Amino acid sequence: MGREMPALVEARESLNYWETRLQTLPKTAVRKRREAREMAARCRERVVEAERAEYGAGFLGAVFMAMAERRLPSHTTRQIVRVGKGAAILAATAVASMVLLTIIAFVVLLALIF
């Protein structure tokens, strides 16, 4: 009569176990540390898959996760940073263009006056 844990909870607990194990193993335990690193990487993938299954993929899934857990999925935050960089470059280019046009208009106006 044991109840099954939801996949997301189980994946997060496994990830927590392997990350904690990796941090607590001595540096000399090379094989055990390698195993812990590999298992933590697998568990991270399971967590991402379970989050997608639980909340859905894409922007809408990220919104649902943000509402439910007050955080964004890790893969979404990387996408936001990448899109943010592009938006910042675009905004800086637009501001520089406007400043340049303003300076040119000011110089032309001064040339017409004097």
C-alpha atoms as a PDB file:
ATOM      1  CA  MET A   1       0.000   0.000   0.000  1.00  0.00           C
ATOM      2  CA  GLY A   2       2.989   2.316  -0.470  1.00  0.00           C
ATOM      3  CA  ARG A   3       2.186   5.512  -2.266  1.00  0.00           C
ATOM      4  CA  GLU A   4       4.250   6.478  -5.268  1.00  0.00           C
ATOM      5  CA  MET A   5       6.045   9.796  -5.119  1.00  0.00           C
ATOM      6  CA  PRO A   6       5.362  12.245  -7.917  1.00  0.00           C
ATOM      7  CA  ALA A   7       8.123  12.133 -10.527  1.00  0.00           C
ATOM      8  CA  LEU A   8       9.196  15.724  -9.897  1.00  0.00           C
ATOM      9  CA  VAL A   9       9.576  15.223  -6.140  1.00  0.00           C
ATOM     10  CA  GLU A  10      11.488  11.987  -6.632  1.00  0.00           C
ATOM     11  CA  ALA A  11      13.790  13.550  -9.240  1.00  0.00           C
ATOM     12  CA  ARG A  12      14.544  16.517  -6.980  1.00  0.00           C
ATOM     13  CA  GLU A  13      15.272  14.284  -4.004  1.00  0.00           C
ATOM     14  CA  SER A  14      17.618  12.155  -6.101  1.00  0.00           C
ATOM     15  CA  LEU A  15      19.377  15.265  -7.388  1.00  0.00           C
ATOM     16  CA  ASN A  16      19.743  16.587  -3.852  1.00  0.00           C
ATOM     17  CA  TYR A  17      21.191  13.247  -2.692  1.00  0.00           C
ATOM     18  CA  TRP A  18      23.806  13.050  -5.472  1.00  0.00           C
ATOM     19  CA  GLU A  19      24.816  16.711  -5.218  1.00  0.00           C
ATOM     20  CA  THR A  20      25.210  16.387  -1.441  1.00  0.00           C
ATOM     21  CA  ARG A  21      27.190  13.171  -1.888  1.00  0.00           C
ATOM     22  CA  LEU A  22      29.470  14.883  -4.402  1.00  0.00           C
ATOM     23  CA  GLN A  23      30.120  17.755  -1.982  1.00  0.00           C
ATOM     24  CA  THR A  24      30.808  15.505   1.003  1.00  0.00           C
ATOM     25  CA  LEU A  25      33.083  12.940  -0.641  1.00  0.00           C
ATOM     26  CA  PRO A  26      36.801  13.517  -0.106  1.00  0.00           C
ATOM     27  CA  LYS A  27      38.860  14.679  -3.057  1.00  0.00           C
ATOM     28  CA  THR A  28      40.801  11.419  -2.968  1.00  0.00           C
ATOM     29  CA  ALA A  29      37.682   9.325  -3.708  1.00  0.00           C
ATOM     30  CA  VAL A  30      38.033   9.883  -7.446  1.00  0.00           C
ATOM     31  CA  ARG A  31      35.805   7.042  -8.678  1.00  0.00           C
ATOM     32  CA  LYS A  32      33.032   7.764  -6.195  1.00  0.00           C
ATOM     33  CA  ARG A  33      33.163  11.479  -7.071  1.00  0.00           C
ATOM     34  CA  ARG A  34      33.010  10.665 -10.792  1.00  0.00           C
ATOM     35  CA  GLU A  35      29.971   8.459 -10.177  1.00  0.00           C
ATOM     36  CA  ALA A  36      28.317  11.183  -8.092  1.00  0.00           C
ATOM     37  CA  ARG A  37      28.973  13.799 -10.831  1.00  0.00           C
ATOM     38  CA  GLU A  38      27.502  11.533 -13.512  1.00  0.00           C
ATOM     39  CA  MET A  39      24.470  10.661 -11.408  1.00  0.00           C
ATOM     40  CA  ALA A  40      23.886  14.334 -10.522  1.00  0.00           C
ATOM     41  CA  ALA A  41      23.950  15.221 -14.227  1.00  0.00           C
ATOM     42  CA  ARG A  42      21.426  12.475 -14.981  1.00  0.00           C
ATOM     43  CA  CYS A  43      19.227  13.629 -12.114  1.00  0.00           C
ATOM     44  CA  ARG A  44      19.341  17.245 -13.384  1.00  0.00           C
ATOM     45  CA  GLU A  45      18.041  15.984 -16.727  1.00  0.00           C
ATOM     46  CA  ARG A  46      15.298  14.040 -14.936  1.00  0.00           C
ATOM     47  CA  VAL A  47      14.313  17.161 -12.993  1.00  0.00           C
ATOM     48  CA  VAL A  48      14.068  19.198 -16.220  1.00  0.00           C
ATOM     49  CA  GLU A  49      11.971  16.467 -17.860  1.00  0.00           C
ATOM     50  CA  ALA A  50       9.733  16.146 -14.800  1.00  0.00           C
ATOM     51  CA  GLU A  51       9.257  19.929 -14.671  1.00  0.00           C
ATOM     52  CA  ARG A  52       8.247  19.913 -18.338  1.00  0.00           C
ATOM     53  CA  ALA A  53       5.819  17.048 -17.706  1.00  0.00           C
ATOM     54  CA  GLU A  54       4.388  18.783 -14.628  1.00  0.00           C
ATOM     55  CA  TYR A  55       4.107  22.354 -15.914  1.00  0.00           C
ATOM     56  CA  GLY A  56       4.391  22.065 -19.685  1.00  0.00           C
ATOM     57  CA  ALA A  57       7.054  23.190 -22.113  1.00  0.00           C
ATOM     58  CA  GLY A  58       7.867  26.614 -23.431  1.00  0.00           C
ATOM     59  CA  PHE A  59       6.855  30.015 -22.194  1.00  0.00           C
ATOM     60  CA  LEU A  60       3.496  28.919 -20.781  1.00  0.00           C
ATOM     61  CA  GLY A  61       5.141  26.140 -18.771  1.00  0.00           C
ATOM     62  CA  ALA A  62       7.647  28.614 -17.384  1.00  0.00           C
ATOM     63  CA  VAL A  63       4.798  30.933 -16.367  1.00  0.00           C
ATOM     64  CA  PHE A  64       2.957  28.072 -14.626  1.00  0.00           C
ATOM     65  CA  MET A  65       6.138  27.073 -12.808  1.00  0.00           C
ATOM     66  CA  ALA A  66       6.821  30.664 -11.783  1.00  0.00           C
ATOM     67  CA  MET A  67       3.299  30.928 -10.348  1.00  0.00           C
ATOM     68  CA  ALA A  68       3.465  27.573  -8.549  1.00  0.00           C
ATOM     69  CA  GLU A  69       7.041  27.638  -7.257  1.00  0.00           C
ATOM     70  CA  ARG A  70       8.097  31.291  -7.530  1.00  0.00           C
ATOM     71  CA  ARG A  71      11.084  30.390  -9.717  1.00  0.00           C
ATOM     72  CA  LEU A  72      11.863  29.742 -13.370  1.00  0.00           C
ATOM     73  CA  PRO A  73      13.231  26.512 -14.802  1.00  0.00           C
ATOM     74  CA  SER A  74      17.005  26.595 -15.238  1.00  0.00           C
ATOM     75  CA  HIS A  75      16.839  26.111 -19.006  1.00  0.00           C
ATOM     76  CA  THR A  76      14.399  29.017 -19.263  1.00  0.00           C
ATOM     77  CA  THR A  77      16.639  31.386 -17.337  1.00  0.00           C
ATOM     78  CA  ARG A  78      19.465  30.709 -19.806  1.00  0.00           C
ATOM     79  CA  GLN A  79      17.086  31.519 -22.676  1.00  0.00           C
ATOM     80  CA  ILE A  80      15.992  34.718 -20.945  1.00  0.00           C
ATOM     81  CA  VAL A  81      19.626  35.795 -20.542  1.00  0.00           C
ATOM     82  CA  ARG A  82      20.310  35.117 -24.226  1.00  0.00           C
ATOM     83  CA  VAL A  83      17.224  37.040 -25.350  1.00  0.00           C
ATOM     84  CA  GLY A  84      17.998  39.789 -22.840  1.00  0.00           C
ATOM     85  CA  LYS A  85      21.454  40.282 -24.313  1.00  0.00           C
ATOM     86  CA  GLY A  86      19.955  40.692 -27.771  1.00  0.00           C
ATOM     87  CA  ALA A  87      17.356  43.140 -26.477  1.00  0.00           C
ATOM     88  CA  ALA A  88      20.031  45.155 -24.664  1.00  0.00           C
ATOM     89  CA  ILE A  89      22.128  45.397 -27.823  1.00  0.00           C
ATOM     90  CA  LEU A  90      19.078  46.480 -29.810  1.00  0.00           C
ATOM     91  CA  ALA A  91      18.129  49.089 -27.215  1.00  0.00           C
ATOM     92  CA  ALA A  92      21.692  50.450 -27.064  1.00  0.00           C
ATOM     93  CA  THR A  93      21.777  50.703 -30.861  1.00  0.00           C
ATOM     94  CA  ALA A  94      18.456  52.546 -30.900  1.00  0.00           C
ATOM     95  CA  VAL A  95      19.584  54.997 -28.209  1.00  0.00           C
ATOM     96  CA  ALA A  96      22.893  55.639 -29.999  1.00  0.00           C
ATOM     97  CA  SER A  97      21.024  56.264 -33.262  1.00  0.00           C
ATOM     98  CA  MET A  98      18.648  58.714 -31.599  1.00  0.00           C
ATOM     99  CA  VAL A  99      21.525  60.591 -29.955  1.00  0.00           C
ATOM    100  CA  LEU A 100      23.387  60.785 -33.268  1.00  0.00           C
ATOM    101  CA  LEU A 101      20.281  62.068 -35.090  1.00  0.00           C
ATOM    102  CA  THR A 102      19.716  64.660 -32.364  1.00  0.00           C
ATOM    103  CA  ILE A 103      23.289  65.908 -32.650  1.00  0.00           C
ATOM    104  CA  ILE A 104      23.041  66.103 -36.448  1.00  0.00           C
ATOM    105  CA  ALA A 105      19.730  67.988 -36.216  1.00  0.00           C
ATOM    106  CA  PHE A 106      21.246  70.410 -33.694  1.00  0.00           C
ATOM    107  CA  VAL A 107      24.290  71.051 -35.904  1.00  0.00           C
ATOM    108  CA  VAL A 108      22.074  71.639 -38.968  1.00  0.00           C
ATOM    109  CA  LEU A 109      19.872  74.009 -36.958  1.00  0.00           C
ATOM    110  CA  LEU A 110      22.910  75.957 -35.767  1.00  0.00           C
ATOM    111  CA  ALA A 111      24.221  76.135 -39.337  1.00  0.00           C
ATOM    112  CA  LEU A 112      20.892  77.555 -40.519  1.00  0.00           C
ATOM    113  CA  ILE A 113      20.781  80.126 -37.752  1.00  0.00           C
ATOM    114  CA  PHE A 114      24.362  81.385 -38.114  1.00  0.00           C
END
